[in-house]
Protein backbone atom coordinates (compact mmCIF):
# COMPACT_ATOMS: atom_id res chain seq x y z
CA UNK A 1 0.00 0.00 0.00
CA UNK A 2 1.35 3.39 -0.99
CA UNK A 3 2.19 5.61 1.96
CA UNK A 4 0.44 9.00 1.93
CA UNK A 5 2.80 11.90 1.54
CA UNK A 6 3.42 14.08 4.57
CA UNK A 7 1.35 17.10 3.51
CA UNK A 8 -1.62 14.86 2.67
CA UNK A 9 -1.51 13.34 6.16
CA UNK A 10 -1.42 16.85 7.62
CA UNK A 11 -4.44 17.83 5.53
CA UNK A 12 -6.42 14.78 6.66
CA UNK A 13 -5.52 15.46 10.28
CA UNK A 14 -6.60 19.09 10.00
CA UNK A 15 -9.87 18.15 8.27
CA UNK A 16 -10.74 15.81 11.15
CA UNK A 17 -9.61 18.39 13.71
CA UNK A 18 -11.69 21.11 12.05
CA UNK A 19 -14.80 18.92 11.87
CA UNK A 20 -14.48 18.02 15.55
CA UNK A 21 -14.29 21.68 16.60
CA UNK A 22 -17.05 22.66 14.15
CA UNK A 23 -19.57 20.72 16.27
CA UNK A 24 -21.79 23.10 18.23
CA UNK A 25 -19.56 26.21 18.36
CA UNK A 26 -20.44 28.60 21.18
CA UNK A 27 -21.38 31.46 18.86
CA UNK A 28 -22.23 30.26 15.37
CA UNK A 29 -22.19 33.65 13.62
CA UNK A 30 -18.73 34.44 15.00
CA UNK A 31 -17.52 30.92 14.17
CA UNK A 32 -18.68 31.39 10.58
CA UNK A 33 -16.82 34.69 10.24
CA UNK A 34 -13.64 33.26 11.76
CA UNK A 35 -13.66 30.25 9.44
CA UNK A 36 -14.23 32.01 6.13
CA UNK A 37 -10.55 32.91 5.91
CA UNK A 38 -9.50 29.49 7.25
CA UNK A 39 -11.39 27.57 4.58
CA UNK A 40 -10.22 29.95 1.85
CA UNK A 41 -6.57 29.62 2.96
CA UNK A 42 -6.65 25.82 3.13
CA UNK A 43 -8.36 25.71 -0.27
CA UNK A 44 -5.59 27.91 -1.68
CA UNK A 45 -2.90 25.58 -0.31
CA UNK A 46 -4.65 22.57 -1.85
CA UNK A 47 -5.23 24.29 -5.19
CA UNK A 48 -1.57 25.31 -5.49
CA UNK A 49 -0.12 22.09 -4.07
CA UNK A 50 1.54 21.14 -7.38
CA UNK A 51 2.32 24.65 -8.58
CA UNK A 52 4.10 25.64 -5.38
CA UNK A 53 4.94 22.92 -2.88
CA UNK A 54 6.12 24.23 0.46
CA UNK A 55 8.63 22.47 2.69
CA UNK A 56 7.41 20.07 5.38
CA UNK A 57 8.57 22.60 7.97
CA UNK A 58 6.28 25.26 6.48
CA UNK A 59 3.30 22.91 6.24
CA UNK A 60 3.82 21.84 9.86
CA UNK A 61 3.94 25.34 11.33
CA UNK A 62 0.88 26.31 9.26
CA UNK A 63 -0.96 23.29 10.67
CA UNK A 64 -0.11 24.27 14.26
CA UNK A 65 -1.39 27.80 13.74
CA UNK A 66 -4.60 26.66 12.02
CA UNK A 67 -5.31 24.16 14.81
CA UNK A 68 -5.03 26.87 17.46
CA UNK A 69 -7.16 29.24 15.38
CA UNK A 70 -9.80 26.50 15.10
CA UNK A 71 -9.99 26.29 18.90
CA UNK A 72 -10.31 30.05 19.16
CA UNK A 73 -13.11 30.18 16.62
CA UNK A 74 -15.02 27.40 18.39
CA UNK A 75 -15.28 29.29 21.68
CA UNK A 76 -14.51 32.83 20.44
CA UNK A 77 -11.04 33.91 21.42
CA UNK A 78 -12.16 35.81 24.50
CA UNK A 79 -13.89 32.74 25.95
CA UNK A 80 -11.39 29.92 25.36
CA UNK A 81 -11.52 28.07 28.73
CA UNK A 82 -7.82 27.43 29.18
CA UNK A 83 -8.21 28.20 32.89
CA UNK A 84 -10.56 25.23 33.23
CA UNK A 85 -8.12 23.01 31.36
CA UNK A 86 -5.11 23.93 33.49
CA UNK A 87 -7.17 23.61 36.69
CA UNK A 88 -7.12 19.86 36.06
CA UNK A 89 -3.33 20.07 36.45
CA UNK A 90 -3.71 22.00 39.69
CA UNK A 91 -2.71 25.53 38.71
CA UNK A 92 -4.09 28.69 37.12
CA UNK A 93 -2.32 30.33 34.17
CA UNK A 94 -3.85 33.71 34.96
CA UNK A 95 -2.80 33.54 38.61
CA UNK A 96 0.67 32.31 37.67
CA UNK A 97 1.34 35.24 35.32
CA UNK A 98 -0.91 37.81 36.96
CA UNK A 99 -3.29 38.07 34.01
CA UNK A 100 -6.59 39.88 34.48
CA UNK A 101 -8.16 38.80 31.17
CA UNK A 102 -8.28 35.87 28.75
CA UNK A 103 -5.00 35.92 26.82
CA UNK A 104 -5.59 33.14 24.30
CA UNK A 105 -6.01 35.71 21.54
CA UNK A 106 -2.71 37.35 22.49
CA UNK A 107 -0.98 33.96 22.25
CA UNK A 108 -2.38 33.28 18.78
CA UNK A 109 -1.44 36.73 17.50
CA UNK A 110 2.13 36.13 18.68
CA UNK A 111 2.14 32.68 17.06
CA UNK A 112 0.77 34.15 13.84
CA UNK A 113 4.04 36.03 13.49
CA UNK A 114 6.23 33.28 14.90
CA UNK A 115 4.82 30.45 12.79
CA UNK A 116 3.84 32.13 9.52
CA UNK A 117 6.95 34.22 8.97
CA UNK A 118 8.98 31.20 7.82
CA UNK A 119 6.49 30.00 5.13
CA UNK A 120 6.25 33.60 3.92
CA UNK A 121 10.05 33.77 3.76
CA UNK A 122 10.08 30.55 1.74
CA UNK A 123 7.64 32.11 -0.73
CA UNK A 124 9.74 35.26 -1.07
CA UNK A 125 12.96 33.31 -1.58
CA UNK A 126 11.53 30.92 -4.16
CA UNK A 127 9.12 33.14 -6.09
CA UNK A 128 10.32 36.72 -5.68
CA UNK A 129 13.96 35.60 -5.51
CA UNK A 130 14.88 37.95 -2.68
CA UNK A 131 18.23 37.42 -1.02
CA UNK A 132 20.21 38.56 1.99
CA UNK A 133 18.69 41.25 4.18
CA UNK A 134 15.41 41.33 2.22
CA UNK A 135 14.77 37.65 2.93
CA UNK A 136 14.27 38.64 6.58
CA UNK A 137 12.77 42.12 6.32
CA UNK A 138 10.10 41.32 3.72
CA UNK A 139 8.51 38.44 5.70
CA UNK A 140 8.48 40.70 8.75
CA UNK A 141 6.82 43.44 6.71
CA UNK A 142 4.25 40.98 5.35
CA UNK A 143 3.29 39.82 8.85
CA UNK A 144 2.98 43.42 10.05
CA UNK A 145 0.86 44.41 7.03
CA UNK A 146 -1.49 41.43 7.22
CA UNK A 147 -1.83 41.81 10.98
CA UNK A 148 -2.90 45.41 10.43
CA UNK A 149 -5.27 44.31 7.65
CA UNK A 150 -6.89 41.76 9.97
CA UNK A 151 -7.49 44.40 12.63
CA UNK A 152 -9.12 46.60 9.97
CA UNK A 153 -11.23 43.62 8.91
CA UNK A 154 -12.38 43.16 12.51
CA UNK A 155 -13.30 46.83 12.66
CA UNK A 156 -15.23 46.62 9.39
CA UNK A 157 -17.07 43.49 10.56
CA UNK A 158 -18.01 45.26 13.78
CA UNK A 159 -19.46 48.16 11.80
CA UNK A 160 -21.40 45.89 9.45
CA UNK A 161 -22.79 43.31 11.88
CA UNK A 162 -22.86 45.24 15.15
CA UNK A 163 -24.28 43.84 18.38
CA UNK A 164 -23.10 40.60 19.96
CA UNK A 165 -21.57 39.28 16.73
CA UNK A 166 -19.23 42.27 16.51
CA UNK A 167 -18.42 42.08 20.23
CA UNK A 168 -17.54 38.38 20.05
CA UNK A 169 -15.61 38.69 16.79
CA UNK A 170 -13.44 41.63 17.85
CA UNK A 171 -12.88 40.24 21.36
CA UNK A 172 -11.23 43.38 22.71
CA UNK A 173 -12.42 42.57 26.24
CA UNK A 174 -12.67 46.24 27.10
CA UNK A 175 -9.06 47.06 26.14
CA UNK A 176 -8.93 50.24 23.99
CA UNK A 177 -5.42 49.27 22.83
CA UNK A 178 -6.33 45.69 21.89
CA UNK A 179 -5.62 46.11 18.17
CA UNK A 180 -2.25 47.76 18.75
CA UNK A 181 -1.18 45.06 21.21
CA UNK A 182 -2.25 42.30 18.81
CA UNK A 183 -0.21 43.85 15.99
CA UNK A 184 2.78 44.32 18.30
CA UNK A 185 2.68 40.66 19.35
CA UNK A 186 2.50 39.47 15.74
CA UNK A 187 5.49 41.69 14.97
CA UNK A 188 7.38 40.29 17.95
CA UNK A 189 6.61 36.74 16.83
CA UNK A 190 7.82 37.39 13.28
CA UNK A 191 10.94 39.15 14.58
CA UNK A 192 11.71 36.15 16.79
CA UNK A 193 11.21 33.74 13.89
CA UNK A 194 13.42 35.70 11.51
CA UNK A 195 16.09 36.16 14.19
CA UNK A 196 16.25 32.39 14.73
CA UNK A 197 16.41 31.86 10.96
CA UNK A 198 19.14 34.49 10.65
CA UNK A 199 21.27 32.86 13.37
CA UNK A 200 20.88 29.43 11.74
CA UNK A 201 21.98 30.80 8.36
CA UNK A 202 24.94 32.65 9.86
CA UNK A 203 26.12 29.40 11.42
CA UNK A 204 25.37 27.03 8.52
CA UNK A 205 25.55 28.99 5.27
CA UNK A 206 29.12 29.53 4.06
CA UNK A 207 27.91 32.07 1.47
CA UNK A 208 25.89 34.11 3.96
CA UNK A 209 28.19 37.15 4.08
CA UNK A 210 28.55 37.38 0.29
CA UNK A 211 24.81 37.00 -0.25
CA UNK A 212 24.05 39.63 2.39
CA UNK A 213 26.50 42.09 0.79
CA UNK A 214 25.11 41.42 -2.69
CA UNK A 215 21.56 42.10 -1.48
CA UNK A 216 22.64 45.65 -0.59
CA UNK A 217 24.39 46.31 -3.91
CA UNK A 218 22.68 48.63 -6.40
CA UNK A 219 21.58 46.49 -9.38
CA UNK A 220 20.13 49.24 -11.58
CA UNK A 221 21.98 52.54 -11.42
CA UNK A 222 19.50 54.68 -13.37
CA UNK A 223 16.87 56.61 -11.37
CA UNK A 224 13.18 55.83 -11.73
CA UNK A 225 10.29 58.30 -11.41
CA UNK A 226 10.25 61.00 -14.07
CA UNK A 227 13.47 59.68 -15.65
CA UNK A 228 11.96 56.23 -16.11
CA UNK A 229 8.88 57.79 -17.71
CA UNK A 230 11.12 59.74 -20.07
CA UNK A 231 12.94 56.55 -21.08
CA UNK A 232 9.64 54.76 -21.75
CA UNK A 233 8.36 57.68 -23.85
CA UNK A 234 11.61 57.67 -25.80
CA UNK A 235 11.18 53.96 -26.54
CA UNK A 236 7.62 54.59 -27.72
CA UNK A 237 8.87 57.31 -30.07
CA UNK A 238 11.50 54.93 -31.45
CA UNK A 239 8.84 52.28 -32.08
CA UNK A 240 6.57 54.79 -33.84
CA UNK A 241 9.43 55.97 -36.08
CA UNK A 242 10.46 52.40 -36.90
CA UNK A 243 6.83 51.50 -37.61
C-alpha atoms as a PDB file:
ATOM      1  CA  UNK A   1       0.000   0.000   0.000  1.00  0.00           C
ATOM      2  CA  UNK A   2       1.355   3.393  -0.994  1.00  0.00           C
ATOM      3  CA  UNK A   3       2.191   5.615   1.957  1.00  0.00           C
ATOM      4  CA  UNK A   4       0.438   8.997   1.931  1.00  0.00           C
ATOM      5  CA  UNK A   5       2.799  11.904   1.543  1.00  0.00           C
ATOM      6  CA  UNK A   6       3.418  14.085   4.570  1.00  0.00           C
ATOM      7  CA  UNK A   7       1.354  17.098   3.511  1.00  0.00           C
ATOM      8  CA  UNK A   8      -1.619  14.856   2.670  1.00  0.00           C
ATOM      9  CA  UNK A   9      -1.507  13.343   6.163  1.00  0.00           C
ATOM     10  CA  UNK A  10      -1.421  16.851   7.618  1.00  0.00           C
ATOM     11  CA  UNK A  11      -4.441  17.825   5.525  1.00  0.00           C
ATOM     12  CA  UNK A  12      -6.419  14.776   6.662  1.00  0.00           C
ATOM     13  CA  UNK A  13      -5.516  15.464  10.281  1.00  0.00           C
ATOM     14  CA  UNK A  14      -6.600  19.088  10.003  1.00  0.00           C
ATOM     15  CA  UNK A  15      -9.869  18.149   8.273  1.00  0.00           C
ATOM     16  CA  UNK A  16     -10.739  15.811  11.149  1.00  0.00           C
ATOM     17  CA  UNK A  17      -9.613  18.392  13.712  1.00  0.00           C
ATOM     18  CA  UNK A  18     -11.690  21.113  12.053  1.00  0.00           C
ATOM     19  CA  UNK A  19     -14.800  18.917  11.873  1.00  0.00           C
ATOM     20  CA  UNK A  20     -14.485  18.019  15.549  1.00  0.00           C
ATOM     21  CA  UNK A  21     -14.286  21.679  16.599  1.00  0.00           C
ATOM     22  CA  UNK A  22     -17.052  22.662  14.150  1.00  0.00           C
ATOM     23  CA  UNK A  23     -19.567  20.723  16.267  1.00  0.00           C
ATOM     24  CA  UNK A  24     -21.786  23.099  18.228  1.00  0.00           C
ATOM     25  CA  UNK A  25     -19.561  26.208  18.356  1.00  0.00           C
ATOM     26  CA  UNK A  26     -20.438  28.601  21.178  1.00  0.00           C
ATOM     27  CA  UNK A  27     -21.382  31.459  18.863  1.00  0.00           C
ATOM     28  CA  UNK A  28     -22.233  30.257  15.367  1.00  0.00           C
ATOM     29  CA  UNK A  29     -22.186  33.653  13.622  1.00  0.00           C
ATOM     30  CA  UNK A  30     -18.733  34.443  14.995  1.00  0.00           C
ATOM     31  CA  UNK A  31     -17.517  30.920  14.167  1.00  0.00           C
ATOM     32  CA  UNK A  32     -18.683  31.389  10.581  1.00  0.00           C
ATOM     33  CA  UNK A  33     -16.819  34.687  10.236  1.00  0.00           C
ATOM     34  CA  UNK A  34     -13.643  33.260  11.756  1.00  0.00           C
ATOM     35  CA  UNK A  35     -13.660  30.254   9.438  1.00  0.00           C
ATOM     36  CA  UNK A  36     -14.231  32.007   6.130  1.00  0.00           C
ATOM     37  CA  UNK A  37     -10.547  32.909   5.912  1.00  0.00           C
ATOM     38  CA  UNK A  38      -9.497  29.492   7.249  1.00  0.00           C
ATOM     39  CA  UNK A  39     -11.389  27.566   4.582  1.00  0.00           C
ATOM     40  CA  UNK A  40     -10.217  29.946   1.852  1.00  0.00           C
ATOM     41  CA  UNK A  41      -6.574  29.620   2.960  1.00  0.00           C
ATOM     42  CA  UNK A  42      -6.646  25.815   3.126  1.00  0.00           C
ATOM     43  CA  UNK A  43      -8.360  25.711  -0.273  1.00  0.00           C
ATOM     44  CA  UNK A  44      -5.591  27.913  -1.678  1.00  0.00           C
ATOM     45  CA  UNK A  45      -2.905  25.582  -0.306  1.00  0.00           C
ATOM     46  CA  UNK A  46      -4.646  22.569  -1.846  1.00  0.00           C
ATOM     47  CA  UNK A  47      -5.233  24.288  -5.193  1.00  0.00           C
ATOM     48  CA  UNK A  48      -1.573  25.311  -5.486  1.00  0.00           C
ATOM     49  CA  UNK A  49      -0.116  22.088  -4.071  1.00  0.00           C
ATOM     50  CA  UNK A  50       1.538  21.136  -7.375  1.00  0.00           C
ATOM     51  CA  UNK A  51       2.319  24.654  -8.577  1.00  0.00           C
ATOM     52  CA  UNK A  52       4.098  25.641  -5.378  1.00  0.00           C
ATOM     53  CA  UNK A  53       4.938  22.922  -2.882  1.00  0.00           C
ATOM     54  CA  UNK A  54       6.120  24.229   0.462  1.00  0.00           C
ATOM     55  CA  UNK A  55       8.629  22.466   2.692  1.00  0.00           C
ATOM     56  CA  UNK A  56       7.408  20.071   5.380  1.00  0.00           C
ATOM     57  CA  UNK A  57       8.568  22.600   7.973  1.00  0.00           C
ATOM     58  CA  UNK A  58       6.282  25.257   6.484  1.00  0.00           C
ATOM     59  CA  UNK A  59       3.302  22.913   6.241  1.00  0.00           C
ATOM     60  CA  UNK A  60       3.821  21.839   9.856  1.00  0.00           C
ATOM     61  CA  UNK A  61       3.938  25.342  11.333  1.00  0.00           C
ATOM     62  CA  UNK A  62       0.884  26.312   9.264  1.00  0.00           C
ATOM     63  CA  UNK A  63      -0.962  23.293  10.673  1.00  0.00           C
ATOM     64  CA  UNK A  64      -0.112  24.270  14.259  1.00  0.00           C
ATOM     65  CA  UNK A  65      -1.394  27.795  13.737  1.00  0.00           C
ATOM     66  CA  UNK A  66      -4.601  26.662  12.025  1.00  0.00           C
ATOM     67  CA  UNK A  67      -5.314  24.158  14.810  1.00  0.00           C
ATOM     68  CA  UNK A  68      -5.027  26.875  17.455  1.00  0.00           C
ATOM     69  CA  UNK A  69      -7.163  29.237  15.377  1.00  0.00           C
ATOM     70  CA  UNK A  70      -9.799  26.499  15.103  1.00  0.00           C
ATOM     71  CA  UNK A  71      -9.990  26.288  18.899  1.00  0.00           C
ATOM     72  CA  UNK A  72     -10.307  30.055  19.161  1.00  0.00           C
ATOM     73  CA  UNK A  73     -13.109  30.178  16.618  1.00  0.00           C
ATOM     74  CA  UNK A  74     -15.022  27.401  18.392  1.00  0.00           C
ATOM     75  CA  UNK A  75     -15.276  29.286  21.683  1.00  0.00           C
ATOM     76  CA  UNK A  76     -14.513  32.829  20.443  1.00  0.00           C
ATOM     77  CA  UNK A  77     -11.038  33.914  21.417  1.00  0.00           C
ATOM     78  CA  UNK A  78     -12.162  35.810  24.502  1.00  0.00           C
ATOM     79  CA  UNK A  79     -13.886  32.736  25.950  1.00  0.00           C
ATOM     80  CA  UNK A  80     -11.391  29.915  25.357  1.00  0.00           C
ATOM     81  CA  UNK A  81     -11.525  28.070  28.727  1.00  0.00           C
ATOM     82  CA  UNK A  82      -7.821  27.429  29.179  1.00  0.00           C
ATOM     83  CA  UNK A  83      -8.206  28.196  32.891  1.00  0.00           C
ATOM     84  CA  UNK A  84     -10.560  25.234  33.233  1.00  0.00           C
ATOM     85  CA  UNK A  85      -8.117  23.005  31.364  1.00  0.00           C
ATOM     86  CA  UNK A  86      -5.110  23.935  33.495  1.00  0.00           C
ATOM     87  CA  UNK A  87      -7.174  23.611  36.688  1.00  0.00           C
ATOM     88  CA  UNK A  88      -7.116  19.859  36.060  1.00  0.00           C
ATOM     89  CA  UNK A  89      -3.329  20.074  36.449  1.00  0.00           C
ATOM     90  CA  UNK A  90      -3.714  22.004  39.691  1.00  0.00           C
ATOM     91  CA  UNK A  91      -2.707  25.532  38.706  1.00  0.00           C
ATOM     92  CA  UNK A  92      -4.089  28.689  37.121  1.00  0.00           C
ATOM     93  CA  UNK A  93      -2.325  30.326  34.171  1.00  0.00           C
ATOM     94  CA  UNK A  94      -3.849  33.706  34.961  1.00  0.00           C
ATOM     95  CA  UNK A  95      -2.797  33.538  38.610  1.00  0.00           C
ATOM     96  CA  UNK A  96       0.671  32.314  37.667  1.00  0.00           C
ATOM     97  CA  UNK A  97       1.339  35.237  35.318  1.00  0.00           C
ATOM     98  CA  UNK A  98      -0.912  37.809  36.959  1.00  0.00           C
ATOM     99  CA  UNK A  99      -3.290  38.071  34.012  1.00  0.00           C
ATOM    100  CA  UNK A 100      -6.589  39.875  34.484  1.00  0.00           C
ATOM    101  CA  UNK A 101      -8.161  38.800  31.172  1.00  0.00           C
ATOM    102  CA  UNK A 102      -8.278  35.872  28.748  1.00  0.00           C
ATOM    103  CA  UNK A 103      -5.000  35.919  26.823  1.00  0.00           C
ATOM    104  CA  UNK A 104      -5.589  33.136  24.304  1.00  0.00           C
ATOM    105  CA  UNK A 105      -6.013  35.713  21.543  1.00  0.00           C
ATOM    106  CA  UNK A 106      -2.713  37.347  22.490  1.00  0.00           C
ATOM    107  CA  UNK A 107      -0.978  33.959  22.245  1.00  0.00           C
ATOM    108  CA  UNK A 108      -2.382  33.276  18.782  1.00  0.00           C
ATOM    109  CA  UNK A 109      -1.435  36.732  17.498  1.00  0.00           C
ATOM    110  CA  UNK A 110       2.135  36.129  18.675  1.00  0.00           C
ATOM    111  CA  UNK A 111       2.142  32.682  17.064  1.00  0.00           C
ATOM    112  CA  UNK A 112       0.774  34.155  13.839  1.00  0.00           C
ATOM    113  CA  UNK A 113       4.042  36.034  13.485  1.00  0.00           C
ATOM    114  CA  UNK A 114       6.229  33.278  14.901  1.00  0.00           C
ATOM    115  CA  UNK A 115       4.817  30.445  12.792  1.00  0.00           C
ATOM    116  CA  UNK A 116       3.841  32.129   9.522  1.00  0.00           C
ATOM    117  CA  UNK A 117       6.955  34.221   8.970  1.00  0.00           C
ATOM    118  CA  UNK A 118       8.978  31.197   7.817  1.00  0.00           C
ATOM    119  CA  UNK A 119       6.485  29.999   5.127  1.00  0.00           C
ATOM    120  CA  UNK A 120       6.254  33.604   3.924  1.00  0.00           C
ATOM    121  CA  UNK A 121      10.055  33.769   3.761  1.00  0.00           C
ATOM    122  CA  UNK A 122      10.075  30.549   1.741  1.00  0.00           C
ATOM    123  CA  UNK A 123       7.644  32.114  -0.735  1.00  0.00           C
ATOM    124  CA  UNK A 124       9.737  35.260  -1.073  1.00  0.00           C
ATOM    125  CA  UNK A 125      12.964  33.314  -1.583  1.00  0.00           C
ATOM    126  CA  UNK A 126      11.534  30.921  -4.155  1.00  0.00           C
ATOM    127  CA  UNK A 127       9.124  33.142  -6.089  1.00  0.00           C
ATOM    128  CA  UNK A 128      10.316  36.723  -5.677  1.00  0.00           C
ATOM    129  CA  UNK A 129      13.963  35.603  -5.510  1.00  0.00           C
ATOM    130  CA  UNK A 130      14.884  37.952  -2.682  1.00  0.00           C
ATOM    131  CA  UNK A 131      18.231  37.419  -1.019  1.00  0.00           C
ATOM    132  CA  UNK A 132      20.209  38.559   1.986  1.00  0.00           C
ATOM    133  CA  UNK A 133      18.688  41.250   4.177  1.00  0.00           C
ATOM    134  CA  UNK A 134      15.409  41.325   2.221  1.00  0.00           C
ATOM    135  CA  UNK A 135      14.772  37.653   2.926  1.00  0.00           C
ATOM    136  CA  UNK A 136      14.274  38.638   6.577  1.00  0.00           C
ATOM    137  CA  UNK A 137      12.765  42.116   6.321  1.00  0.00           C
ATOM    138  CA  UNK A 138      10.096  41.321   3.717  1.00  0.00           C
ATOM    139  CA  UNK A 139       8.514  38.437   5.697  1.00  0.00           C
ATOM    140  CA  UNK A 140       8.482  40.702   8.752  1.00  0.00           C
ATOM    141  CA  UNK A 141       6.817  43.443   6.708  1.00  0.00           C
ATOM    142  CA  UNK A 142       4.250  40.978   5.354  1.00  0.00           C
ATOM    143  CA  UNK A 143       3.292  39.819   8.849  1.00  0.00           C
ATOM    144  CA  UNK A 144       2.983  43.417  10.048  1.00  0.00           C
ATOM    145  CA  UNK A 145       0.863  44.414   7.030  1.00  0.00           C
ATOM    146  CA  UNK A 146      -1.487  41.429   7.225  1.00  0.00           C
ATOM    147  CA  UNK A 147      -1.827  41.811  10.981  1.00  0.00           C
ATOM    148  CA  UNK A 148      -2.904  45.406  10.433  1.00  0.00           C
ATOM    149  CA  UNK A 149      -5.272  44.308   7.648  1.00  0.00           C
ATOM    150  CA  UNK A 150      -6.887  41.760   9.969  1.00  0.00           C
ATOM    151  CA  UNK A 151      -7.491  44.399  12.634  1.00  0.00           C
ATOM    152  CA  UNK A 152      -9.117  46.599   9.972  1.00  0.00           C
ATOM    153  CA  UNK A 153     -11.231  43.621   8.910  1.00  0.00           C
ATOM    154  CA  UNK A 154     -12.381  43.156  12.505  1.00  0.00           C
ATOM    155  CA  UNK A 155     -13.301  46.828  12.663  1.00  0.00           C
ATOM    156  CA  UNK A 156     -15.227  46.617   9.389  1.00  0.00           C
ATOM    157  CA  UNK A 157     -17.069  43.493  10.558  1.00  0.00           C
ATOM    158  CA  UNK A 158     -18.007  45.262  13.778  1.00  0.00           C
ATOM    159  CA  UNK A 159     -19.462  48.161  11.796  1.00  0.00           C
ATOM    160  CA  UNK A 160     -21.398  45.890   9.448  1.00  0.00           C
ATOM    161  CA  UNK A 161     -22.787  43.314  11.884  1.00  0.00           C
ATOM    162  CA  UNK A 162     -22.858  45.236  15.152  1.00  0.00           C
ATOM    163  CA  UNK A 163     -24.284  43.844  18.383  1.00  0.00           C
ATOM    164  CA  UNK A 164     -23.097  40.605  19.962  1.00  0.00           C
ATOM    165  CA  UNK A 165     -21.568  39.280  16.729  1.00  0.00           C
ATOM    166  CA  UNK A 166     -19.233  42.265  16.515  1.00  0.00           C
ATOM    167  CA  UNK A 167     -18.425  42.077  20.228  1.00  0.00           C
ATOM    168  CA  UNK A 168     -17.536  38.380  20.046  1.00  0.00           C
ATOM    169  CA  UNK A 169     -15.607  38.694  16.786  1.00  0.00           C
ATOM    170  CA  UNK A 170     -13.442  41.625  17.855  1.00  0.00           C
ATOM    171  CA  UNK A 171     -12.882  40.240  21.356  1.00  0.00           C
ATOM    172  CA  UNK A 172     -11.230  43.383  22.709  1.00  0.00           C
ATOM    173  CA  UNK A 173     -12.417  42.567  26.237  1.00  0.00           C
ATOM    174  CA  UNK A 174     -12.665  46.242  27.099  1.00  0.00           C
ATOM    175  CA  UNK A 175      -9.061  47.064  26.143  1.00  0.00           C
ATOM    176  CA  UNK A 176      -8.932  50.238  23.994  1.00  0.00           C
ATOM    177  CA  UNK A 177      -5.419  49.269  22.831  1.00  0.00           C
ATOM    178  CA  UNK A 178      -6.327  45.690  21.894  1.00  0.00           C
ATOM    179  CA  UNK A 179      -5.622  46.113  18.166  1.00  0.00           C
ATOM    180  CA  UNK A 180      -2.247  47.760  18.745  1.00  0.00           C
ATOM    181  CA  UNK A 181      -1.184  45.060  21.209  1.00  0.00           C
ATOM    182  CA  UNK A 182      -2.246  42.299  18.812  1.00  0.00           C
ATOM    183  CA  UNK A 183      -0.207  43.845  15.994  1.00  0.00           C
ATOM    184  CA  UNK A 184       2.783  44.315  18.303  1.00  0.00           C
ATOM    185  CA  UNK A 185       2.683  40.659  19.349  1.00  0.00           C
ATOM    186  CA  UNK A 186       2.497  39.466  15.745  1.00  0.00           C
ATOM    187  CA  UNK A 187       5.490  41.686  14.970  1.00  0.00           C
ATOM    188  CA  UNK A 188       7.376  40.286  17.951  1.00  0.00           C
ATOM    189  CA  UNK A 189       6.610  36.739  16.834  1.00  0.00           C
ATOM    190  CA  UNK A 190       7.821  37.389  13.284  1.00  0.00           C
ATOM    191  CA  UNK A 191      10.945  39.148  14.576  1.00  0.00           C
ATOM    192  CA  UNK A 192      11.707  36.145  16.790  1.00  0.00           C
ATOM    193  CA  UNK A 193      11.213  33.736  13.887  1.00  0.00           C
ATOM    194  CA  UNK A 194      13.416  35.704  11.514  1.00  0.00           C
ATOM    195  CA  UNK A 195      16.091  36.161  14.186  1.00  0.00           C
ATOM    196  CA  UNK A 196      16.251  32.388  14.729  1.00  0.00           C
ATOM    197  CA  UNK A 197      16.414  31.855  10.958  1.00  0.00           C
ATOM    198  CA  UNK A 198      19.139  34.488  10.653  1.00  0.00           C
ATOM    199  CA  UNK A 199      21.271  32.859  13.368  1.00  0.00           C
ATOM    200  CA  UNK A 200      20.877  29.432  11.735  1.00  0.00           C
ATOM    201  CA  UNK A 201      21.976  30.802   8.362  1.00  0.00           C
ATOM    202  CA  UNK A 202      24.940  32.651   9.859  1.00  0.00           C
ATOM    203  CA  UNK A 203      26.119  29.396  11.420  1.00  0.00           C
ATOM    204  CA  UNK A 204      25.372  27.028   8.525  1.00  0.00           C
ATOM    205  CA  UNK A 205      25.553  28.993   5.274  1.00  0.00           C
ATOM    206  CA  UNK A 206      29.118  29.529   4.061  1.00  0.00           C
ATOM    207  CA  UNK A 207      27.907  32.069   1.470  1.00  0.00           C
ATOM    208  CA  UNK A 208      25.889  34.114   3.959  1.00  0.00           C
ATOM    209  CA  UNK A 209      28.193  37.152   4.079  1.00  0.00           C
ATOM    210  CA  UNK A 210      28.550  37.383   0.291  1.00  0.00           C
ATOM    211  CA  UNK A 211      24.806  37.001  -0.253  1.00  0.00           C
ATOM    212  CA  UNK A 212      24.052  39.632   2.390  1.00  0.00           C
ATOM    213  CA  UNK A 213      26.499  42.089   0.787  1.00  0.00           C
ATOM    214  CA  UNK A 214      25.106  41.423  -2.686  1.00  0.00           C
ATOM    215  CA  UNK A 215      21.563  42.100  -1.475  1.00  0.00           C
ATOM    216  CA  UNK A 216      22.635  45.648  -0.594  1.00  0.00           C
ATOM    217  CA  UNK A 217      24.393  46.307  -3.914  1.00  0.00           C
ATOM    218  CA  UNK A 218      22.682  48.630  -6.401  1.00  0.00           C
ATOM    219  CA  UNK A 219      21.578  46.495  -9.378  1.00  0.00           C
ATOM    220  CA  UNK A 220      20.131  49.241 -11.576  1.00  0.00           C
ATOM    221  CA  UNK A 221      21.984  52.537 -11.425  1.00  0.00           C
ATOM    222  CA  UNK A 222      19.496  54.678 -13.368  1.00  0.00           C
ATOM    223  CA  UNK A 223      16.873  56.609 -11.367  1.00  0.00           C
ATOM    224  CA  UNK A 224      13.180  55.833 -11.725  1.00  0.00           C
ATOM    225  CA  UNK A 225      10.292  58.299 -11.415  1.00  0.00           C
ATOM    226  CA  UNK A 226      10.255  61.004 -14.066  1.00  0.00           C
ATOM    227  CA  UNK A 227      13.465  59.677 -15.646  1.00  0.00           C
ATOM    228  CA  UNK A 228      11.956  56.227 -16.106  1.00  0.00           C
ATOM    229  CA  UNK A 229       8.875  57.785 -17.708  1.00  0.00           C
ATOM    230  CA  UNK A 230      11.117  59.742 -20.069  1.00  0.00           C
ATOM    231  CA  UNK A 231      12.941  56.552 -21.080  1.00  0.00           C
ATOM    232  CA  UNK A 232       9.640  54.756 -21.754  1.00  0.00           C
ATOM    233  CA  UNK A 233       8.361  57.675 -23.845  1.00  0.00           C
ATOM    234  CA  UNK A 234      11.606  57.665 -25.795  1.00  0.00           C
ATOM    235  CA  UNK A 235      11.181  53.958 -26.543  1.00  0.00           C
ATOM    236  CA  UNK A 236       7.620  54.590 -27.718  1.00  0.00           C
ATOM    237  CA  UNK A 237       8.866  57.307 -30.074  1.00  0.00           C
ATOM    238  CA  UNK A 238      11.504  54.932 -31.447  1.00  0.00           C
ATOM    239  CA  UNK A 239       8.842  52.280 -32.081  1.00  0.00           C
ATOM    240  CA  UNK A 240       6.573  54.788 -33.837  1.00  0.00           C
ATOM    241  CA  UNK A 241       9.432  55.968 -36.079  1.00  0.00           C
ATOM    242  CA  UNK A 242      10.460  52.396 -36.899  1.00  0.00           C
ATOM    243  CA  UNK A 243       6.831  51.504 -37.609  1.00  0.00           C
END
